[in-house]
Amino acid sequence: MSLYLTRLFVTLLLKPRPARTERGDVPGWVLITVMTAGLVVAIWKLAGDQLAKMLSDALSSVTNK
């Protein structure tokens, strides 16, 4: 049994592996990142003053306690 396992291990270890040709879905991730940044910019432009007020109110309520 151990001879069989040793042969299997050596065969798997020395088996040539094909070169990786798949690089993944890079354009998809770039598109998601760009769209997320665009949404952040759009929300910031539309509600920047309200977001800043909410943040300052939240920080002042924490520091006043």
PDB file of N, CA and C in Angstrom:
ATOM      1  N   MET A   1       0.819  -1.190   0.000  1.00  0.00           N
ATOM      2  CA  MET A   1       0.000   0.000   0.000  1.00  0.00           C
ATOM      3  C   MET A   1       0.865   1.256   0.000  1.00  0.00           C
ATOM      4  N   SER A   2       1.934   1.275   0.782  1.00  0.00           N
ATOM      5  CA  SER A   2       2.769   2.467   0.837  1.00  0.00           C
ATOM      6  C   SER A   2       3.520   2.684  -0.477  1.00  0.00           C
ATOM      7  N   LEU A   3       3.853   1.595  -1.176  1.00  0.00           N
ATOM      8  CA  LEU A   3       4.512   1.724  -2.476  1.00  0.00           C
ATOM      9  C   LEU A   3       3.555   2.386  -3.474  1.00  0.00           C
ATOM     10  N   TYR A   4       2.285   1.999  -3.430  1.00  0.00           N
ATOM     11  CA  TYR A   4       1.286   2.587  -4.306  1.00  0.00           C
ATOM     12  C   TYR A   4       1.134   4.083  -4.006  1.00  0.00           C
ATOM     13  N   LEU A   5       1.058   4.449  -2.743  1.00  0.00           N
ATOM     14  CA  LEU A   5       0.932   5.855  -2.370  1.00  0.00           C
ATOM     15  C   LEU A   5       2.159   6.650  -2.764  1.00  0.00           C
ATOM     16  N   THR A   6       3.341   6.048  -2.635  1.00  0.00           N
ATOM     17  CA  THR A   6       4.572   6.729  -3.023  1.00  0.00           C
ATOM     18  C   THR A   6       4.597   6.971  -4.524  1.00  0.00           C
ATOM     19  N   ARG A   7       4.222   5.965  -5.294  1.00  0.00           N
ATOM     20  CA  ARG A   7       4.171   6.129  -6.745  1.00  0.00           C
ATOM     21  C   ARG A   7       3.152   7.204  -7.143  1.00  0.00           C
ATOM     22  N   LEU A   8       2.005   7.181  -6.505  1.00  0.00           N
ATOM     23  CA  LEU A   8       0.978   8.181  -6.794  1.00  0.00           C
ATOM     24  C   LEU A   8       1.481   9.581  -6.471  1.00  0.00           C
ATOM     25  N   PHE A   9       2.137   9.734  -5.337  1.00  0.00           N
ATOM     26  CA  PHE A   9       2.675  11.030  -4.928  1.00  0.00           C
ATOM     27  C   PHE A   9       3.727  11.526  -5.911  1.00  0.00           C
ATOM     28  N   VAL A  10       4.640  10.647  -6.309  1.00  0.00           N
ATOM     29  CA  VAL A  10       5.698  11.031  -7.251  1.00  0.00           C
ATOM     30  C   VAL A  10       5.105  11.365  -8.606  1.00  0.00           C
ATOM     31  N   THR A  11       4.109  10.608  -9.051  1.00  0.00           N
ATOM     32  CA  THR A  11       3.467  10.878 -10.334  1.00  0.00           C
ATOM     33  C   THR A  11       2.782  12.237 -10.309  1.00  0.00           C
ATOM     34  N   LEU A  12       2.069  12.530  -9.249  1.00  0.00           N
ATOM     35  CA  LEU A  12       1.387  13.821  -9.149  1.00  0.00           C
ATOM     36  C   LEU A  12       2.368  14.976  -9.008  1.00  0.00           C
ATOM     37  N   LEU A  13       3.454  14.725  -8.319  1.00  0.00           N
ATOM     38  CA  LEU A  13       4.443  15.772  -8.092  1.00  0.00           C
ATOM     39  C   LEU A  13       5.206  16.099  -9.370  1.00  0.00           C
ATOM     40  N   LEU A  14       5.540  15.083 -10.159  1.00  0.00           N
ATOM     41  CA  LEU A  14       6.360  15.284 -11.343  1.00  0.00           C
ATOM     42  C   LEU A  14       5.545  15.488 -12.615  1.00  0.00           C
ATOM     43  N   LYS A  15       4.228  15.417 -12.523  1.00  0.00           N
ATOM     44  CA  LYS A  15       3.380  15.583 -13.698  1.00  0.00           C
ATOM     45  C   LYS A  15       3.482  17.022 -14.201  1.00  0.00           C
ATOM     46  N   PRO A  16       3.813  17.200 -15.477  1.00  0.00           N
ATOM     47  CA  PRO A  16       3.902  18.564 -16.002  1.00  0.00           C
ATOM     48  C   PRO A  16       2.528  19.226 -16.027  1.00  0.00           C
ATOM     49  N   ARG A  17       2.485  20.445 -15.579  1.00  0.00           N
ATOM     50  CA  ARG A  17       1.231  21.182 -15.544  1.00  0.00           C
ATOM     51  C   ARG A  17       1.147  22.102 -16.750  1.00  0.00           C
ATOM     52  N   PRO A  18      -0.038  22.226 -17.318  1.00  0.00           N
ATOM     53  CA  PRO A  18      -0.182  23.142 -18.455  1.00  0.00           C
ATOM     54  C   PRO A  18      -0.022  24.591 -17.998  1.00  0.00           C
ATOM     55  N   ALA A  19       0.445  25.417 -18.911  1.00  0.00           N
ATOM     56  CA  ALA A  19       0.628  26.829 -18.594  1.00  0.00           C
ATOM     57  C   ALA A  19      -0.731  27.478 -18.381  1.00  0.00           C
ATOM     58  N   ARG A  20      -0.772  28.405 -17.471  1.00  0.00           N
ATOM     59  CA  ARG A  20      -2.021  29.113 -17.199  1.00  0.00           C
ATOM     60  C   ARG A  20      -2.256  30.157 -18.276  1.00  0.00           C
ATOM     61  N   THR A  21      -3.329  29.984 -18.995  1.00  0.00           N
ATOM     62  CA  THR A  21      -3.659  30.949 -20.033  1.00  0.00           C
ATOM     63  C   THR A  21      -4.820  31.840 -19.612  1.00  0.00           C
ATOM     64  N   GLU A  22      -5.570  31.418 -18.609  1.00  0.00           N
ATOM     65  CA  GLU A  22      -6.715  32.203 -18.161  1.00  0.00           C
ATOM     66  C   GLU A  22      -6.252  33.268 -17.171  1.00  0.00           C
ATOM     67  N   ARG A  23      -6.591  34.501 -17.441  1.00  0.00           N
ATOM     68  CA  ARG A  23      -6.156  35.590 -16.573  1.00  0.00           C
ATOM     69  C   ARG A  23      -7.274  36.090 -15.680  1.00  0.00           C
ATOM     70  N   GLY A  24      -8.455  35.551 -15.801  1.00  0.00           N
ATOM     71  CA  GLY A  24      -9.565  35.986 -14.984  1.00  0.00           C
ATOM     72  C   GLY A  24     -10.366  37.060 -15.687  1.00  0.00           C
ATOM     73  N   ASP A  25     -11.306  37.589 -14.960  1.00  0.00           N
ATOM     74  CA  ASP A  25     -12.215  38.572 -15.529  1.00  0.00           C
ATOM     75  C   ASP A  25     -11.767  39.972 -15.128  1.00  0.00           C
ATOM     76  N   VAL A  26     -10.620  40.382 -15.628  1.00  0.00           N
ATOM     77  CA  VAL A  26     -10.065  41.688 -15.269  1.00  0.00           C
ATOM     78  C   VAL A  26     -10.963  42.831 -15.724  1.00  0.00           C
ATOM     79  N   PRO A  27     -11.459  42.839 -16.957  1.00  0.00           N
ATOM     80  CA  PRO A  27     -12.324  43.957 -17.355  1.00  0.00           C
ATOM     81  C   PRO A  27     -13.582  44.072 -16.493  1.00  0.00           C
ATOM     82  N   GLY A  28     -14.118  42.960 -16.038  1.00  0.00           N
ATOM     83  CA  GLY A  28     -15.279  42.996 -15.159  1.00  0.00           C
ATOM     84  C   GLY A  28     -14.971  43.686 -13.846  1.00  0.00           C
ATOM     85  N   TRP A  29     -13.834  43.368 -13.258  1.00  0.00           N
ATOM     86  CA  TRP A  29     -13.466  43.992 -11.981  1.00  0.00           C
ATOM     87  C   TRP A  29     -13.160  45.469 -12.170  1.00  0.00           C
ATOM     88  N   VAL A  30     -12.561  45.818 -13.292  1.00  0.00           N
ATOM     89  CA  VAL A  30     -12.288  47.227 -13.558  1.00  0.00           C
ATOM     90  C   VAL A  30     -13.602  47.983 -13.705  1.00  0.00           C
ATOM     91  N   LEU A  31     -14.558  47.396 -14.414  1.00  0.00           N
ATOM     92  CA  LEU A  31     -15.853  48.032 -14.589  1.00  0.00           C
ATOM     93  C   LEU A  31     -16.568  48.210 -13.254  1.00  0.00           C
ATOM     94  N   ILE A  32     -16.531  47.200 -12.400  1.00  0.00           N
ATOM     95  CA  ILE A  32     -17.164  47.306 -11.085  1.00  0.00           C
ATOM     96  C   ILE A  32     -16.508  48.406 -10.262  1.00  0.00           C
ATOM     97  N   THR A  33     -15.189  48.492 -10.301  1.00  0.00           N
ATOM     98  CA  THR A  33     -14.475  49.510  -9.538  1.00  0.00           C
ATOM     99  C   THR A  33     -14.807  50.906 -10.042  1.00  0.00           C
ATOM    100  N   VAL A  34     -14.821  51.087 -11.351  1.00  0.00           N
ATOM    101  CA  VAL A  34     -15.123  52.398 -11.920  1.00  0.00           C
ATOM    102  C   VAL A  34     -16.566  52.795 -11.627  1.00  0.00           C
ATOM    103  N   MET A  35     -17.493  51.850 -11.734  1.00  0.00           N
ATOM    104  CA  MET A  35     -18.888  52.163 -11.449  1.00  0.00           C
ATOM    105  C   MET A  35     -19.090  52.498  -9.979  1.00  0.00           C
ATOM    106  N   THR A  36     -18.406  51.799  -9.095  1.00  0.00           N
ATOM    107  CA  THR A  36     -18.510  52.097  -7.666  1.00  0.00           C
ATOM    108  C   THR A  36     -17.966  53.485  -7.371  1.00  0.00           C
ATOM    109  N   ALA A  37     -16.843  53.830  -7.966  1.00  0.00           N
ATOM    110  CA  ALA A  37     -16.278  55.168  -7.765  1.00  0.00           C
ATOM    111  C   ALA A  37     -17.228  56.230  -8.310  1.00  0.00           C
ATOM    112  N   GLY A  38     -17.858  55.954  -9.451  1.00  0.00           N
ATOM    113  CA  GLY A  38     -18.822  56.895 -10.014  1.00  0.00           C
ATOM    114  C   GLY A  38     -20.026  57.079  -9.117  1.00  0.00           C
ATOM    115  N   LEU A  39     -20.513  56.003  -8.523  1.00  0.00           N
ATOM    116  CA  LEU A  39     -21.635  56.117  -7.587  1.00  0.00           C
ATOM    117  C   LEU A  39     -21.260  56.924  -6.354  1.00  0.00           C
ATOM    118  N   VAL A  40     -20.062  56.700  -5.846  1.00  0.00           N
ATOM    119  CA  VAL A  40     -19.615  57.452  -4.673  1.00  0.00           C
ATOM    120  C   VAL A  40     -19.541  58.938  -5.001  1.00  0.00           C
ATOM    121  N   VAL A  41     -18.998  59.277  -6.145  1.00  0.00           N
ATOM    122  CA  VAL A  41     -18.893  60.685  -6.546  1.00  0.00           C
ATOM    123  C   VAL A  41     -20.280  61.294  -6.719  1.00  0.00           C
ATOM    124  N   ALA A  42     -21.195  60.558  -7.357  1.00  0.00           N
ATOM    125  CA  ALA A  42     -22.545  61.078  -7.571  1.00  0.00           C
ATOM    126  C   ALA A  42     -23.277  61.297  -6.255  1.00  0.00           C
ATOM    127  N   ILE A  43     -23.185  60.342  -5.347  1.00  0.00           N
ATOM    128  CA  ILE A  43     -23.844  60.484  -4.045  1.00  0.00           C
ATOM    129  C   ILE A  43     -23.215  61.627  -3.262  1.00  0.00           C
ATOM    130  N   TRP A  44     -21.884  61.753  -3.345  1.00  0.00           N
ATOM    131  CA  TRP A  44     -21.187  62.824  -2.626  1.00  0.00           C
ATOM    132  C   TRP A  44     -21.625  64.187  -3.138  1.00  0.00           C
ATOM    133  N   LYS A  45     -21.801  64.313  -4.473  1.00  0.00           N
ATOM    134  CA  LYS A  45     -22.237  65.596  -5.039  1.00  0.00           C
ATOM    135  C   LYS A  45     -23.663  65.919  -4.639  1.00  0.00           C
ATOM    136  N   LEU A  46     -24.528  64.916  -4.616  1.00  0.00           N
ATOM    137  CA  LEU A  46     -25.927  65.146  -4.302  1.00  0.00           C
ATOM    138  C   LEU A  46     -26.171  65.377  -2.815  1.00  0.00           C
ATOM    139  N   ALA A  47     -25.463  64.664  -1.970  1.00  0.00           N
ATOM    140  CA  ALA A  47     -25.768  64.708  -0.545  1.00  0.00           C
ATOM    141  C   ALA A  47     -24.544  65.001   0.306  1.00  0.00           C
ATOM    142  N   GLY A  48     -23.556  65.702  -0.235  1.00  0.00           N
ATOM    143  CA  GLY A  48     -22.324  65.965   0.504  1.00  0.00           C
ATOM    144  C   GLY A  48     -22.540  66.773   1.770  1.00  0.00           C
ATOM    145  N   ASP A  49     -23.361  67.811   1.682  1.00  0.00           N
ATOM    146  CA  ASP A  49     -23.607  68.651   2.857  1.00  0.00           C
ATOM    147  C   ASP A  49     -24.334  67.871   3.953  1.00  0.00           C
ATOM    148  N   GLN A  50     -25.335  67.083   3.559  1.00  0.00           N
ATOM    149  CA  GLN A  50     -26.080  66.294   4.541  1.00  0.00           C
ATOM    150  C   GLN A  50     -25.187  65.219   5.170  1.00  0.00           C
ATOM    151  N   LEU A  51     -24.328  64.606   4.359  1.00  0.00           N
ATOM    152  CA  LEU A  51     -23.424  63.590   4.901  1.00  0.00           C
ATOM    153  C   LEU A  51     -22.429  64.202   5.882  1.00  0.00           C
ATOM    154  N   ALA A  52     -21.919  65.383   5.563  1.00  0.00           N
ATOM    155  CA  ALA A  52     -20.980  66.050   6.470  1.00  0.00           C
ATOM    156  C   ALA A  52     -21.671  66.424   7.776  1.00  0.00           C
ATOM    157  N   LYS A  53     -22.911  66.890   7.685  1.00  0.00           N
ATOM    158  CA  LYS A  53     -23.657  67.241   8.909  1.00  0.00           C
ATOM    159  C   LYS A  53     -23.944  66.000   9.742  1.00  0.00           C
ATOM    160  N   MET A  54     -24.335  64.902   9.078  1.00  0.00           N
ATOM    161  CA  MET A  54     -24.587  63.658   9.810  1.00  0.00           C
ATOM    162  C   MET A  54     -23.330  63.182  10.521  1.00  0.00           C
ATOM    163  N   LEU A  55     -22.179  63.279   9.854  1.00  0.00           N
ATOM    164  CA  LEU A  55     -20.928  62.845  10.456  1.00  0.00           C
ATOM    165  C   LEU A  55     -20.561  63.719  11.647  1.00  0.00           C
ATOM    166  N   SER A  56     -20.690  65.031  11.483  1.00  0.00           N
ATOM    167  CA  SER A  56     -20.333  65.928  12.597  1.00  0.00           C
ATOM    168  C   SER A  56     -21.301  65.749  13.762  1.00  0.00           C
ATOM    169  N   ASP A  57     -22.591  65.535  13.487  1.00  0.00           N
ATOM    170  CA  ASP A  57     -23.552  65.285  14.567  1.00  0.00           C
ATOM    171  C   ASP A  57     -23.232  63.986  15.304  1.00  0.00           C
ATOM    172  N   ALA A  58     -22.878  62.953  14.549  1.00  0.00           N
ATOM    173  CA  ALA A  58     -22.551  61.671  15.175  1.00  0.00           C
ATOM    174  C   ALA A  58     -21.292  61.777  16.022  1.00  0.00           C
ATOM    175  N   LEU A  59     -20.273  62.484  15.507  1.00  0.00           N
ATOM    176  CA  LEU A  59     -19.028  62.616  16.274  1.00  0.00           C
ATOM    177  C   LEU A  59     -19.238  63.486  17.501  1.00  0.00           C
ATOM    178  N   SER A  60     -20.030  64.532  17.381  1.00  0.00           N
ATOM    179  CA  SER A  60     -20.262  65.398  18.551  1.00  0.00           C
ATOM    180  C   SER A  60     -21.105  64.687  19.595  1.00  0.00           C
ATOM    181  N   SER A  61     -22.023  63.804  19.180  1.00  0.00           N
ATOM    182  CA  SER A  61     -22.820  63.076  20.175  1.00  0.00           C
ATOM    183  C   SER A  61     -21.961  62.063  20.916  1.00  0.00           C
ATOM    184  N   VAL A  62     -20.937  61.531  20.278  1.00  0.00           N
ATOM    185  CA  VAL A  62     -20.046  60.580  20.945  1.00  0.00           C
ATOM    186  C   VAL A  62     -19.118  61.303  21.903  1.00  0.00           C
ATOM    187  N   THR A  63     -18.601  62.448  21.491  1.00  0.00           N
ATOM    188  CA  THR A  63     -17.637  63.166  22.325  1.00  0.00           C
ATOM    189  C   THR A  63     -18.313  63.887  23.485  1.00  0.00           C
ATOM    190  N   ASN A  64     -19.592  64.180  23.385  1.00  0.00           N
ATOM    191  CA  ASN A  64     -20.285  64.902  24.461  1.00  0.00           C
ATOM    192  C   ASN A  64     -20.737  63.978  25.569  1.00  0.00           C
ATOM    193  N   LYS A  65     -20.692  62.692  25.392  1.00  0.00           N
ATOM    194  CA  LYS A  65     -21.173  61.768  26.435  1.00  0.00           C
ATOM    195  C   LYS A  65     -20.109  61.413  27.413  1.00  0.00           C
TER     196      LYS A  65
END
